[in-house]
C-alpha atoms as a PDB file:
ATOM      1  CA  MET A   1     129.983  23.446 -96.015  1.00  0.00           C
ATOM      2  CA  GLY A   2     128.801  23.072 -92.339  1.00  0.00           C
ATOM      3  CA  ASN A   3     131.525  20.949 -90.663  1.00  0.00           C
ATOM      4  CA  THR A   4     130.863  18.539 -87.768  1.00  0.00           C
ATOM      5  CA  SER A   5     132.535  16.061 -85.874  1.00  0.00           C
ATOM      6  CA  ASP A   6     129.493  13.897 -85.182  1.00  0.00           C
ATOM      7  CA  ALA A   7     129.947  10.201 -86.604  1.00  0.00           C
ATOM      8  CA  LEU A   8     128.511   9.777 -90.185  1.00  0.00           C
ATOM      9  CA  PRO A   9     125.278   8.165 -90.102  1.00  0.00           C
ATOM     10  CA  GLY A  10     124.708   4.720 -91.193  1.00  0.00           C
ATOM     11  CA  GLY A  11     126.396   2.692 -93.889  1.00  0.00           C
ATOM     12  CA  HIS A  12     125.947   1.171 -97.618  1.00  0.00           C
ATOM     13  CA  PRO A  13     122.093   0.022 -97.544  1.00  0.00           C
ATOM     14  CA  SER A  14     121.428  -3.484 -98.593  1.00  0.00           C
ATOM     15  CA  GLY A  15     121.860  -4.017-102.781  1.00  0.00           C
ATOM     16  CA  ILE A  16     123.564  -0.402-103.387  1.00  0.00           C
ATOM     17  CA  THR A  17     126.574  -0.928-105.496  1.00  0.00           C
ATOM     18  CA  ILE A  18     129.037   1.807-105.963  1.00  0.00           C
ATOM     19  CA  ALA A  19     130.872   1.690-109.274  1.00  0.00           C
ATOM     20  CA  PHE A  20     133.986   4.326-109.686  1.00  0.00           C
ATOM     21  CA  GLY A  21     135.692   5.443-112.614  1.00  0.00           C
ATOM     22  CA  SER A  22     139.296   4.677-113.041  1.00  0.00           C
ATOM     23  CA  ALA A  23     142.422   6.591-111.300  1.00  0.00           C
ATOM     24  CA  PRO A  24     142.930  10.110-112.813  1.00  0.00           C
ATOM     25  CA  LEU A  25     144.271  10.068-116.351  1.00  0.00           C
ATOM     26  CA  SER A  26     147.602  11.936-114.996  1.00  0.00           C
ATOM     27  CA  ASP A  27     148.103   8.594-112.697  1.00  0.00           C
ATOM     28  CA  ARG A  28     147.529   6.206-115.548  1.00  0.00           C
ATOM     29  CA  LEU A  29     149.945   8.000-117.442  1.00  0.00           C
ATOM     30  CA  GLY A  30     152.721   7.986-114.768  1.00  0.00           C
ATOM     31  CA  GLY A  31     153.531  10.867-112.738  1.00  0.00           C
ATOM     32  CA  VAL A  32     150.836  13.652-112.023  1.00  0.00           C
ATOM     33  CA  THR A  33     149.909  16.906-113.963  1.00  0.00           C
ATOM     34  CA  VAL A  34     148.128  19.218-111.867  1.00  0.00           C
ATOM     35  CA  GLN A  35     144.580  20.138-113.887  1.00  0.00           C
ATOM     36  CA  THR A  36     143.596  23.506-114.025  1.00  0.00           C
ATOM     37  CA  SER A  37     139.467  24.719-114.100  1.00  0.00           C
ATOM     38  CA  VAL A  38     137.740  27.981-113.483  1.00  0.00           C
ATOM     39  CA  ALA A  39     134.994  28.631-110.902  1.00  0.00           C
ATOM     40  CA  VAL A  40     132.777  31.132-112.296  1.00  0.00           C
ATOM     41  CA  THR A  41     131.161  33.145-109.026  1.00  0.00           C
ATOM     42  CA  GLN A  42     130.079  36.348-110.598  1.00  0.00           C
ATOM     43  CA  PHE A  43     128.415  37.627-113.862  1.00  0.00           C
ATOM     44  CA  ALA A  44     128.650  40.596-115.968  1.00  0.00           C
ATOM     45  CA  ARG A  45     126.609  43.512-114.626  1.00  0.00           C
ATOM     46  CA  PRO A  46     124.078  44.451-117.235  1.00  0.00           C
ATOM     47  CA  ALA A  47     125.356  48.113-117.219  1.00  0.00           C
ATOM     48  CA  ASP A  48     128.753  46.629-118.533  1.00  0.00           C
ATOM     49  CA  ARG A  49     127.628  43.820-120.922  1.00  0.00           C
ATOM     50  CA  GLN A  50     125.092  41.460-121.784  1.00  0.00           C
ATOM     51  CA  ILE A  51     125.523  38.214-119.267  1.00  0.00           C
ATOM     52  CA  PRO A  52     125.220  35.823-121.876  1.00  0.00           C
ATOM     53  CA  ASP A  53     127.384  37.519-124.604  1.00  0.00           C
ATOM     54  CA  ALA A  54     130.177  37.929-121.583  1.00  0.00           C
ATOM     55  CA  LEU A  55     129.743  34.138-120.141  1.00  0.00           C
ATOM     56  CA  VAL A  56     130.052  32.491-123.811  1.00  0.00           C
ATOM     57  CA  GLU A  57     133.228  34.619-124.587  1.00  0.00           C
ATOM     58  CA  VAL A  58     134.724  33.431-121.155  1.00  0.00           C
ATOM     59  CA  VAL A  59     133.774  29.850-121.391  1.00  0.00           C
ATOM     60  CA  ARG A  60     134.505  29.106-125.148  1.00  0.00           C
ATOM     61  CA  LEU A  61     138.022  30.727-124.535  1.00  0.00           C
ATOM     62  CA  CYS A  62     138.377  27.957-121.467  1.00  0.00           C
ATOM     63  CA  ASP A  63     137.337  25.579-124.006  1.00  0.00           C
ATOM     64  CA  ALA A  64     139.693  26.958-126.578  1.00  0.00           C
ATOM     65  CA  ARG A  65     142.692  27.021-124.372  1.00  0.00           C
ATOM     66  CA  GLY A  66     142.508  23.513-122.735  1.00  0.00           C
ATOM     67  CA  ILE A  67     141.094  24.858-119.442  1.00  0.00           C
ATOM     68  CA  ASP A  68     140.094  21.421-117.910  1.00  0.00           C
ATOM     69  CA  SER A  69     136.412  22.303-116.521  1.00  0.00           C
ATOM     70  CA  VAL A  70     134.305  25.157-115.662  1.00  0.00           C
ATOM     71  CA  PHE A  71     132.239  25.027-112.688  1.00  0.00           C
ATOM     72  CA  LEU A  72     129.507  27.571-111.487  1.00  0.00           C
ATOM     73  CA  SER A  73     128.257  28.271-107.980  1.00  0.00           C
ATOM     74  CA  ASP A  74     124.750  27.122-106.573  1.00  0.00           C
ATOM     75  CA  HIS A  75     123.424  29.951-105.192  1.00  0.00           C
ATOM     76  CA  LEU A  76     120.100  32.505-105.829  1.00  0.00           C
ATOM     77  CA  VAL A  77     121.611  35.582-105.141  1.00  0.00           C
ATOM     78  CA  GLN A  78     124.723  37.201-104.639  1.00  0.00           C
ATOM     79  CA  GLY A  79     126.513  38.708-101.767  1.00  0.00           C
ATOM     80  CA  ILE A  80     128.151  35.920-100.708  1.00  0.00           C
ATOM     81  CA  GLU A  81     131.490  36.553-102.590  1.00  0.00           C
ATOM     82  CA  PRO A  82     133.942  39.823-101.209  1.00  0.00           C
ATOM     83  CA  GLY A  83     132.753  42.769-103.165  1.00  0.00           C
ATOM     84  CA  THR A  84     129.327  41.577-104.208  1.00  0.00           C
ATOM     85  CA  ASP A  85     125.761  43.143-103.509  1.00  0.00           C
ATOM     86  CA  PRO A  86     122.587  40.955-103.253  1.00  0.00           C
ATOM     87  CA  ALA A  87     121.382  42.984-106.281  1.00  0.00           C
ATOM     88  CA  ASP A  88     124.144  41.641-108.444  1.00  0.00           C
ATOM     89  CA  PRO A  89     123.341  39.205-110.857  1.00  0.00           C
ATOM     90  CA  MET A  90     123.223  35.343-110.049  1.00  0.00           C
ATOM     91  CA  LEU A  91     121.931  32.791-112.402  1.00  0.00           C
ATOM     92  CA  GLU A  92     120.121  29.237-111.759  1.00  0.00           C
ATOM     93  CA  VAL A  93     123.134  27.176-111.958  1.00  0.00           C
ATOM     94  CA  PHE A  94     122.002  23.983-114.039  1.00  0.00           C
ATOM     95  CA  THR A  95     120.149  26.287-116.645  1.00  0.00           C
ATOM     96  CA  ALA A  96     123.405  28.254-117.067  1.00  0.00           C
ATOM     97  CA  LEU A  97     125.248  24.865-117.178  1.00  0.00           C
ATOM     98  CA  GLY A  98     122.655  23.627-119.936  1.00  0.00           C
ATOM     99  CA  PHE A  99     123.294  26.970-122.150  1.00  0.00           C
ATOM    100  CA  LEU A 100     127.220  26.785-121.621  1.00  0.00           C
ATOM    101  CA  ALA A 101     126.791  22.961-123.124  1.00  0.00           C
ATOM    102  CA  ALA A 102     125.662  23.938-126.186  1.00  0.00           C
ATOM    103  CA  HIS A 103     128.212  26.823-126.629  1.00  0.00           C
ATOM    104  CA  THR A 104     131.307  24.509-125.774  1.00  0.00           C
ATOM    105  CA  ALA A 105     132.578  21.203-127.347  1.00  0.00           C
ATOM    106  CA  ARG A 106     135.434  20.098-125.072  1.00  0.00           C
ATOM    107  CA  VAL A 107     135.347  21.613-121.452  1.00  0.00           C
ATOM    108  CA  ARG A 108     133.771  19.652-118.638  1.00  0.00           C
ATOM    109  CA  LEU A 109     131.021  21.481-116.843  1.00  0.00           C
ATOM    110  CA  GLY A 110     129.696  21.187-113.198  1.00  0.00           C
ATOM    111  CA  VAL A 111     128.513  22.891-109.841  1.00  0.00           C
ATOM    112  CA  LEU A 112     130.746  23.934-107.013  1.00  0.00           C
ATOM    113  CA  VAL A 113     128.868  22.573-105.316  1.00  0.00           C
ATOM    114  CA  ALA A 114     124.777  21.967-105.372  1.00  0.00           C
ATOM    115  CA  ALA A 115     123.498  22.346-102.135  1.00  0.00           C
ATOM    116  CA  VAL A 116     121.669  19.003-101.399  1.00  0.00           C
ATOM    117  CA  THR A 117     118.596  20.115 -99.861  1.00  0.00           C
ATOM    118  CA  MET A 118     117.744  23.080-102.464  1.00  0.00           C
ATOM    119  CA  ARG A 119     116.347  20.374-104.654  1.00  0.00           C
ATOM    120  CA  PRO A 120     114.770  16.644-104.225  1.00  0.00           C
ATOM    121  CA  PRO A 121     117.482  14.167-104.705  1.00  0.00           C
ATOM    122  CA  ALA A 122     116.071  12.632-107.623  1.00  0.00           C
ATOM    123  CA  LEU A 123     115.703  16.109-109.367  1.00  0.00           C
ATOM    124  CA  LEU A 124     119.229  16.872-108.596  1.00  0.00           C
ATOM    125  CA  VAL A 125     120.393  13.540-110.107  1.00  0.00           C
ATOM    126  CA  LYS A 126     118.265  13.838-113.126  1.00  0.00           C
ATOM    127  CA  ALA A 127     119.631  17.475-113.480  1.00  0.00           C
ATOM    128  CA  VAL A 128     123.244  16.170-113.631  1.00  0.00           C
ATOM    129  CA  THR A 129     122.342  13.544-115.751  1.00  0.00           C
ATOM    130  CA  SER A 130     120.774  15.481-118.475  1.00  0.00           C
ATOM    131  CA  LEU A 131     123.760  17.851-118.104  1.00  0.00           C
ATOM    132  CA  ASP A 132     126.002  14.923-118.909  1.00  0.00           C
ATOM    133  CA  VAL A 133     123.821  13.667-121.668  1.00  0.00           C
ATOM    134  CA  LEU A 134     123.374  16.764-123.539  1.00  0.00           C
ATOM    135  CA  SER A 135     127.044  17.331-123.336  1.00  0.00           C
ATOM    136  CA  GLY A 136     128.213  14.381-124.582  1.00  0.00           C
ATOM    137  CA  GLY A 137     129.781  13.308-121.434  1.00  0.00           C
ATOM    138  CA  ARG A 138     131.156  16.304-119.851  1.00  0.00           C
ATOM    139  CA  ALA A 139     129.201  16.964-116.822  1.00  0.00           C
ATOM    140  CA  TRP A 140     130.541  16.922-112.926  1.00  0.00           C
ATOM    141  CA  PHE A 141     128.422  15.991-109.929  1.00  0.00           C
ATOM    142  CA  GLY A 142     129.486  18.604-107.616  1.00  0.00           C
ATOM    143  CA  VAL A 143     127.297  17.882-104.510  1.00  0.00           C
ATOM    144  CA  GLY A 144     127.472  19.320-100.719  1.00  0.00           C
ATOM    145  CA  ALA A 145     125.697  19.583 -97.544  1.00  0.00           C
ATOM    146  CA  GLY A 146     124.863  23.336 -97.877  1.00  0.00           C
ATOM    147  CA  TYR A 147     125.573  26.336 -95.731  1.00  0.00           C
ATOM    148  CA  GLN A 148     124.053  29.453 -96.458  1.00  0.00           C
ATOM    149  CA  LEU A 149     121.400  29.789 -93.594  1.00  0.00           C
ATOM    150  CA  GLN A 150     120.428  33.309 -94.504  1.00  0.00           C
ATOM    151  CA  GLU A 151     119.706  32.215 -98.158  1.00  0.00           C
ATOM    152  CA  GLY A 152     117.352  29.470 -97.304  1.00  0.00           C
ATOM    153  CA  ASP A 153     115.856  31.753 -94.982  1.00  0.00           C
ATOM    154  CA  ASP A 154     115.236  34.361 -97.595  1.00  0.00           C
ATOM    155  CA  PHE A 155     114.053  32.259-100.769  1.00  0.00           C
ATOM    156  CA  GLY A 156     112.159  29.830 -98.215  1.00  0.00           C
ATOM    157  CA  VAL A 157     114.452  26.920 -99.475  1.00  0.00           C
ATOM    158  CA  PRO A 158     115.133  24.001 -96.789  1.00  0.00           C
ATOM    159  CA  LEU A 159     118.225  24.260 -95.049  1.00  0.00           C
ATOM    160  CA  PRO A 160     117.745  21.764 -92.043  1.00  0.00           C
ATOM    161  CA  PRO A 161     119.991  20.999 -89.119  1.00  0.00           C
ATOM    162  CA  THR A 162     123.600  19.783 -90.102  1.00  0.00           C
ATOM    163  CA  VAL A 163     123.219  16.473 -89.055  1.00  0.00           C
ATOM    164  CA  GLU A 164     119.876  16.044 -90.855  1.00  0.00           C
ATOM    165  CA  ARG A 165     121.744  17.731 -93.988  1.00  0.00           C
ATOM    166  CA  PHE A 166     124.170  14.998 -93.941  1.00  0.00           C
ATOM    167  CA  GLU A 167     121.493  12.365 -94.063  1.00  0.00           C
ATOM    168  CA  TRP A 168     120.147  14.133 -96.965  1.00  0.00           C
ATOM    169  CA  LEU A 169     123.408  14.046 -98.782  1.00  0.00           C
ATOM    170  CA  THR A 170     124.509  10.471 -97.819  1.00  0.00           C
ATOM    171  CA  ASP A 171     120.972   9.665 -99.197  1.00  0.00           C
ATOM    172  CA  THR A 172     121.210  11.684-102.303  1.00  0.00           C
ATOM    173  CA  LEU A 173     124.765   9.998-103.213  1.00  0.00           C
ATOM    174  CA  GLU A 174     123.450   6.539-102.670  1.00  0.00           C
ATOM    175  CA  LEU A 175     120.411   7.093-104.878  1.00  0.00           C
ATOM    176  CA  ALA A 176     122.710   8.582-107.537  1.00  0.00           C
ATOM    177  CA  HIS A 177     124.744   5.792-107.798  1.00  0.00           C
ATOM    178  CA  GLN A 178     121.674   3.001-107.679  1.00  0.00           C
ATOM    179  CA  MET A 179     119.818   5.334-110.579  1.00  0.00           C
ATOM    180  CA  TRP A 180     123.253   5.364-112.698  1.00  0.00           C
ATOM    181  CA  ALA A 181     123.519   1.909-112.218  1.00  0.00           C
ATOM    182  CA  GLY A 182     120.076   1.365-113.880  1.00  0.00           C
ATOM    183  CA  ASP A 183     118.468   0.051-110.793  1.00  0.00           C
ATOM    184  CA  THR A 184     114.987   0.464-109.955  1.00  0.00           C
ATOM    185  CA  SER A 185     114.207  -1.298-106.675  1.00  0.00           C
ATOM    186  CA  PRO A 186     112.961   0.948-103.970  1.00  0.00           C
ATOM    187  CA  TYR A 187     115.473   3.010-102.148  1.00  0.00           C
ATOM    188  CA  GLU A 188     114.595   3.375 -98.387  1.00  0.00           C
ATOM    189  CA  GLY A 189     117.417   6.026 -97.082  1.00  0.00           C
ATOM    190  CA  ARG A 190     117.512   7.854 -93.795  1.00  0.00           C
ATOM    191  CA  ARG A 191     115.301  10.629 -95.136  1.00  0.00           C
ATOM    192  CA  LEU A 192     114.596   9.716 -98.511  1.00  0.00           C
ATOM    193  CA  HIS A 193     112.115   7.111 -99.644  1.00  0.00           C
ATOM    194  CA  ALA A 194     111.835   6.562-103.501  1.00  0.00           C
ATOM    195  CA  ALA A 195     109.503   3.888-104.755  1.00  0.00           C
ATOM    196  CA  ARG A 196     110.830   3.470-108.136  1.00  0.00           C
ATOM    197  CA  PRO A 197     113.780   5.501-108.989  1.00  0.00           C
ATOM    198  CA  VAL A 198     113.884   5.045-112.812  1.00  0.00           C
ATOM    199  CA  GLY A 199     117.265   6.757-114.230  1.00  0.00           C
ATOM    200  CA  SER A 200     116.668   6.799-118.073  1.00  0.00           C
ATOM    201  CA  PRO A 201     118.481   8.093-119.843  1.00  0.00           C
ATOM    202  CA  LEU A 202     121.694   6.679-118.482  1.00  0.00           C
ATOM    203  CA  PRO A 203     124.775   9.309-118.163  1.00  0.00           C
ATOM    204  CA  THR A 204     127.070   9.374-121.235  1.00  0.00           C
ATOM    205  CA  SER A 205     129.859   9.130-118.771  1.00  0.00           C
ATOM    206  CA  ARG A 206     130.667   5.613-117.651  1.00  0.00           C
ATOM    207  CA  PRO A 207     129.913   4.485-115.114  1.00  0.00           C
ATOM    208  CA  HIS A 208     128.671   7.733-114.130  1.00  0.00           C
ATOM    209  CA  PRO A 209     129.837  11.384-113.863  1.00  0.00           C
ATOM    210  CA  PRO A 210     132.500  11.997-111.335  1.00  0.00           C
ATOM    211  CA  VAL A 211     131.337  13.014-108.039  1.00  0.00           C
ATOM    212  CA  LEU A 212     132.942  15.795-106.410  1.00  0.00           C
ATOM    213  CA  ILE A 213     131.933  16.343-102.700  1.00  0.00           C
ATOM    214  CA  GLY A 214     132.264  19.800-101.055  1.00  0.00           C
ATOM    215  CA  GLY A 215     133.491  20.496 -97.813  1.00  0.00           C
ATOM    216  CA  THR A 216     136.497  19.612 -95.672  1.00  0.00           C
ATOM    217  CA  GLY A 217     134.824  17.996 -92.504  1.00  0.00           C
ATOM    218  CA  GLU A 218     137.074  14.858 -91.071  1.00  0.00           C
ATOM    219  CA  ALA A 219     134.447  12.923 -89.543  1.00  0.00           C
ATOM    220  CA  LYS A 220     131.653  13.228 -92.086  1.00  0.00           C
ATOM    221  CA  THR A 221     132.714  14.775 -95.396  1.00  0.00           C
ATOM    222  CA  LEU A 222     135.912  13.397 -95.958  1.00  0.00           C
ATOM    223  CA  ARG A 223     134.466   9.638 -95.176  1.00  0.00           C
ATOM    224  CA  LEU A 224     131.414  10.552 -97.874  1.00  0.00           C
ATOM    225  CA  VAL A 225     134.319  11.278-100.252  1.00  0.00           C
ATOM    226  CA  ALA A 226     136.099   7.857 -99.562  1.00  0.00           C
ATOM    227  CA  ARG A 227     132.945   5.962 -99.444  1.00  0.00           C
ATOM    228  CA  TYR A 228     131.114   7.782-102.594  1.00  0.00           C
ATOM    229  CA  GLY A 229     133.178  10.391-104.211  1.00  0.00           C
ATOM    230  CA  ASP A 230     135.769  10.641-107.107  1.00  0.00           C
ATOM    231  CA  ALA A 231     137.077  14.201-105.867  1.00  0.00           C
ATOM    232  CA  CYS A 232     137.479  16.175-102.886  1.00  0.00           C
ATOM    233  CA  ASN A 233     137.741  19.768-102.624  1.00  0.00           C
ATOM    234  CA  LEU A 234     139.785  21.756-100.094  1.00  0.00           C
ATOM    235  CA  PHE A 235     140.685  25.295 -99.498  1.00  0.00           C
ATOM    236  CA  ASP A 236     143.822  27.113-100.108  1.00  0.00           C
ATOM    237  CA  VAL A 237     144.805  28.275 -96.773  1.00  0.00           C
ATOM    238  CA  ASP A 238     147.985  29.988 -96.474  1.00  0.00           C
ATOM    239  CA  ASP A 239     150.179  27.956 -94.067  1.00  0.00           C
ATOM    240  CA  GLY A 240     152.807  26.529 -96.216  1.00  0.00           C
ATOM    241  CA  GLY A 241     150.496  23.409 -97.236  1.00  0.00           C
ATOM    242  CA  ALA A 242     149.798  22.247 -93.610  1.00  0.00           C
ATOM    243  CA  GLU A 243     145.966  22.329 -93.680  1.00  0.00           C
ATOM    244  CA  ILE A 244     146.149  20.537 -97.201  1.00  0.00           C
ATOM    245  CA  SER A 245     148.560  17.818 -95.770  1.00  0.00           C
ATOM    246  CA  HIS A 246     146.296  17.155 -92.751  1.00  0.00           C
ATOM    247  CA  LYS A 247     143.145  16.767 -94.653  1.00  0.00           C
ATOM    248  CA  LEU A 248     144.584  14.751 -97.028  1.00  0.00           C
ATOM    249  CA  SER A 249     146.043  12.281 -94.349  1.00  0.00           C
ATOM    250  CA  VAL A 250     142.430  11.857 -92.711  1.00  0.00           C
ATOM    251  CA  LEU A 251     141.006  11.030 -96.280  1.00  0.00           C
ATOM    252  CA  ALA A 252     143.708   8.459 -96.726  1.00  0.00           C
ATOM    253  CA  ARG A 253     142.497   6.990 -93.475  1.00  0.00           C
ATOM    254  CA  HIS A 254     139.025   7.119 -94.359  1.00  0.00           C
ATOM    255  CA  CYS A 255     140.070   5.437 -97.862  1.00  0.00           C
ATOM    256  CA  GLU A 256     141.851   2.646 -96.036  1.00  0.00           C
ATOM    257  CA  VAL A 257     138.830   2.105 -93.694  1.00  0.00           C
ATOM    258  CA  GLU A 258     136.686   2.243 -96.793  1.00  0.00           C
ATOM    259  CA  GLY A 259     138.692   0.157 -99.017  1.00  0.00           C
ATOM    260  CA  ARG A 260     139.207   2.707-101.500  1.00  0.00           C
ATOM    261  CA  ALA A 261     142.559   3.420-103.355  1.00  0.00           C
ATOM    262  CA  PHE A 262     143.729   6.995-102.162  1.00  0.00           C
ATOM    263  CA  ASP A 263     145.279   7.660-105.659  1.00  0.00           C
ATOM    264  CA  ALA A 264     141.876   6.852-107.301  1.00  0.00           C
ATOM    265  CA  ILE A 265     140.475  10.139-105.605  1.00  0.00           C
ATOM    266  CA  THR A 266     141.004  13.584-107.429  1.00  0.00           C
ATOM    267  CA  LYS A 267     142.103  16.116-104.850  1.00  0.00           C
ATOM    268  CA  THR A 268     141.206  19.386-106.038  1.00  0.00           C
ATOM    269  CA  VAL A 269     141.741  22.728-104.375  1.00  0.00           C
ATOM    270  CA  SER A 270     139.526  26.104-104.503  1.00  0.00           C
ATOM    271  CA  THR A 271     142.360  28.993-105.002  1.00  0.00           C
ATOM    272  CA  ARG A 272     142.397  32.408-106.822  1.00  0.00           C
ATOM    273  CA  LEU A 273     143.925  34.210-109.477  1.00  0.00           C
ATOM    274  CA  ARG A 274     144.537  37.527-107.669  1.00  0.00           C
ATOM    275  CA  ALA A 275     144.324  40.624-109.661  1.00  0.00           C
ATOM    276  CA  ASP A 276     147.992  41.661-109.902  1.00  0.00           C
ATOM    277  CA  ASP A 277     148.993  37.959-110.597  1.00  0.00           C
ATOM    278  CA  THR A 278     151.238  37.348-113.424  1.00  0.00           C
ATOM    279  CA  ALA A 279     151.355  33.721-115.265  1.00  0.00           C
ATOM    280  CA  ASP A 280     154.659  32.956-113.530  1.00  0.00           C
ATOM    281  CA  ALA A 281     153.696  33.933-110.088  1.00  0.00           C
ATOM    282  CA  PHE A 282     150.427  31.803-110.238  1.00  0.00           C
ATOM    283  CA  VAL A 283     152.509  28.687-111.433  1.00  0.00           C
ATOM    284  CA  ALA A 284     154.762  29.098-108.616  1.00  0.00           C
ATOM    285  CA  ARG A 285     151.770  28.990-106.144  1.00  0.00           C
ATOM    286  CA  ALA A 286     150.261  26.060-108.216  1.00  0.00           C
ATOM    287  CA  ARG A 287     153.460  23.896-108.121  1.00  0.00           C
ATOM    288  CA  ALA A 288     153.593  24.404-104.022  1.00  0.00           C
ATOM    289  CA  LEU A 289     150.040  23.149-104.001  1.00  0.00           C
ATOM    290  CA  GLY A 290     151.137  20.243-106.654  1.00  0.00           C
ATOM    291  CA  GLU A 291     153.706  19.136-103.805  1.00  0.00           C
ATOM    292  CA  ALA A 292     151.283  19.199-101.055  1.00  0.00           C
ATOM    293  CA  GLY A 293     149.159  16.586-103.012  1.00  0.00           C
ATOM    294  CA  ILE A 294     146.758  18.612-104.941  1.00  0.00           C
ATOM    295  CA  ASP A 295     146.005  17.195-108.336  1.00  0.00           C
ATOM    296  CA  HIS A 296     143.482  19.602-109.737  1.00  0.00           C
ATOM    297  CA  LEU A 297     143.122  23.546-109.035  1.00  0.00           C
ATOM    298  CA  ILE A 298     139.826  25.441-109.190  1.00  0.00           C
ATOM    299  CA  VAL A 299     140.376  29.007-109.739  1.00  0.00           C
ATOM    300  CA  LEU A 300     138.147  31.882-108.889  1.00  0.00           C
ATOM    301  CA  THR A 301     139.120  35.475-109.309  1.00  0.00           C
ATOM    302  CA  GLU A 302     138.011  38.637-108.034  1.00  0.00           C
ATOM    303  CA  GLY A 303     134.838  40.196-109.861  1.00  0.00           C
ATOM    304  CA  PRO A 304     133.641  38.550-113.156  1.00  0.00           C
ATOM    305  CA  TRP A 305     135.978  36.376-115.217  1.00  0.00           C
ATOM    306  CA  THR A 306     137.641  38.311-118.358  1.00  0.00           C
ATOM    307  CA  VAL A 307     139.024  37.163-121.495  1.00  0.00           C
ATOM    308  CA  ASP A 308     142.218  39.006-120.049  1.00  0.00           C
ATOM    309  CA  ARG A 309     142.142  37.124-116.945  1.00  0.00           C
ATOM    310  CA  ILE A 310     141.569  33.709-118.441  1.00  0.00           C
ATOM    311  CA  ALA A 311     144.372  34.378-121.050  1.00  0.00           C
ATOM    312  CA  VAL A 312     146.655  34.717-118.004  1.00  0.00           C
ATOM    313  CA  LEU A 313     145.446  31.386-116.207  1.00  0.00           C
ATOM    314  CA  ALA A 314     145.679  29.651-119.511  1.00  0.00           C
ATOM    315  CA  ASP A 315     149.229  30.630-120.049  1.00  0.00           C
ATOM    316  CA  ALA A 316     149.965  29.664-116.532  1.00  0.00           C
ATOM    317  CA  ALA A 317     148.197  26.425-116.763  1.00  0.00           C
ATOM    318  CA  ASP A 318     150.157  25.232-119.970  1.00  0.00           C
ATOM    319  CA  GLU A 319     153.250  25.601-117.940  1.00  0.00           C
ATOM    320  CA  ILE A 320     151.847  23.842-115.030  1.00  0.00           C
ATOM    321  CA  ALA A 321     150.705  21.092-117.185  1.00  0.00           C
ATOM    322  CA  ALA A 322     154.320  20.797-119.026  1.00  0.00           C
ATOM    323  CA  GLY A 323     155.888  19.667-115.556  1.00  0.00           C
ATOM    324  CA  PRO A 324     154.396  16.509-114.147  1.00  0.00           C
ATOM    325  CA  ARG A 325     155.505  16.131-110.349  1.00  0.00           C
ATOM    326  CA  PRO A 326     156.702  12.945-108.673  1.00  0.00           C
ATOM    327  CA  ARG A 327     153.655  11.369-106.944  1.00  0.00           C
ATOM    328  CA  THR A 328     153.874  11.733-102.811  1.00  0.00           C
ATOM    329  CA  HIS A 329     151.284  10.103-100.670  1.00  0.00           C
ATOM    330  CA  ALA A 330     149.495  11.630 -97.835  1.00  0.00           C
ATOM    331  CA  HIS A 331     149.574   9.078 -94.932  1.00  0.00           C
END
């Protein structure tokens, strides 16, 4: 994400009501269980296997083994992940998620995260809502300001300056909450003007799909999480948890200002299952992240996911879930 220290533009427009879901299930049960999800950032190369077969095999195993969610990245081309090339395959994310919804029954599905200016705001909200309806209430709304300037230039996709992208992000979040509330009154935002934003059908998830806002900027992104989000997404930095603890302290202060309960926001982290990781090795790292305040691991791997690597992660996830940690608050 494009981080900036500039102040977040504007506040709640008149008439917008923000509805949030309840606290995470693990909080309601007492103690905290760290959830484990998978992020698919690379796909099988046609020379190795057919993309649909390989993807369905991996995601169905996630569905069967209790992995919480499967996230796909929102890019039009490869070459962003280490070791990839622009000639490597990349799927359009909402088409791929709709395909996966038809091949799974339990696992939640989302984007990590949608670049807000890649699609008109109402189209983005409609895509997420459609995924939620067709999957039986299993969608996440993952969104961020975007950052890949070269990708935007290569494909002619708008990626305006940072300040403008955050204005679009704020407007999109407000429009989503308005449409999910069934409010068809005109929306007048900083960049967006919508005369009659009808949101039919409404999401199956109530009050709406959980909103995950990507990025770690302290002045803008984390404030948006406190104001509009149900989850943040931090990075696994090898510093003994200092970066995560600091970011969560910033988020806690924003929550206090916005009148949000800090514990109502799911704290996710993007981390990796390394090529040589055993389940035990990953569990040790996961527990350290849990102690730093993380509720939810979103796990990437090197290259495309395989059933063998999903099995290692699922074994680790079973052990992680079996050991709730006491809640410690960041302040």
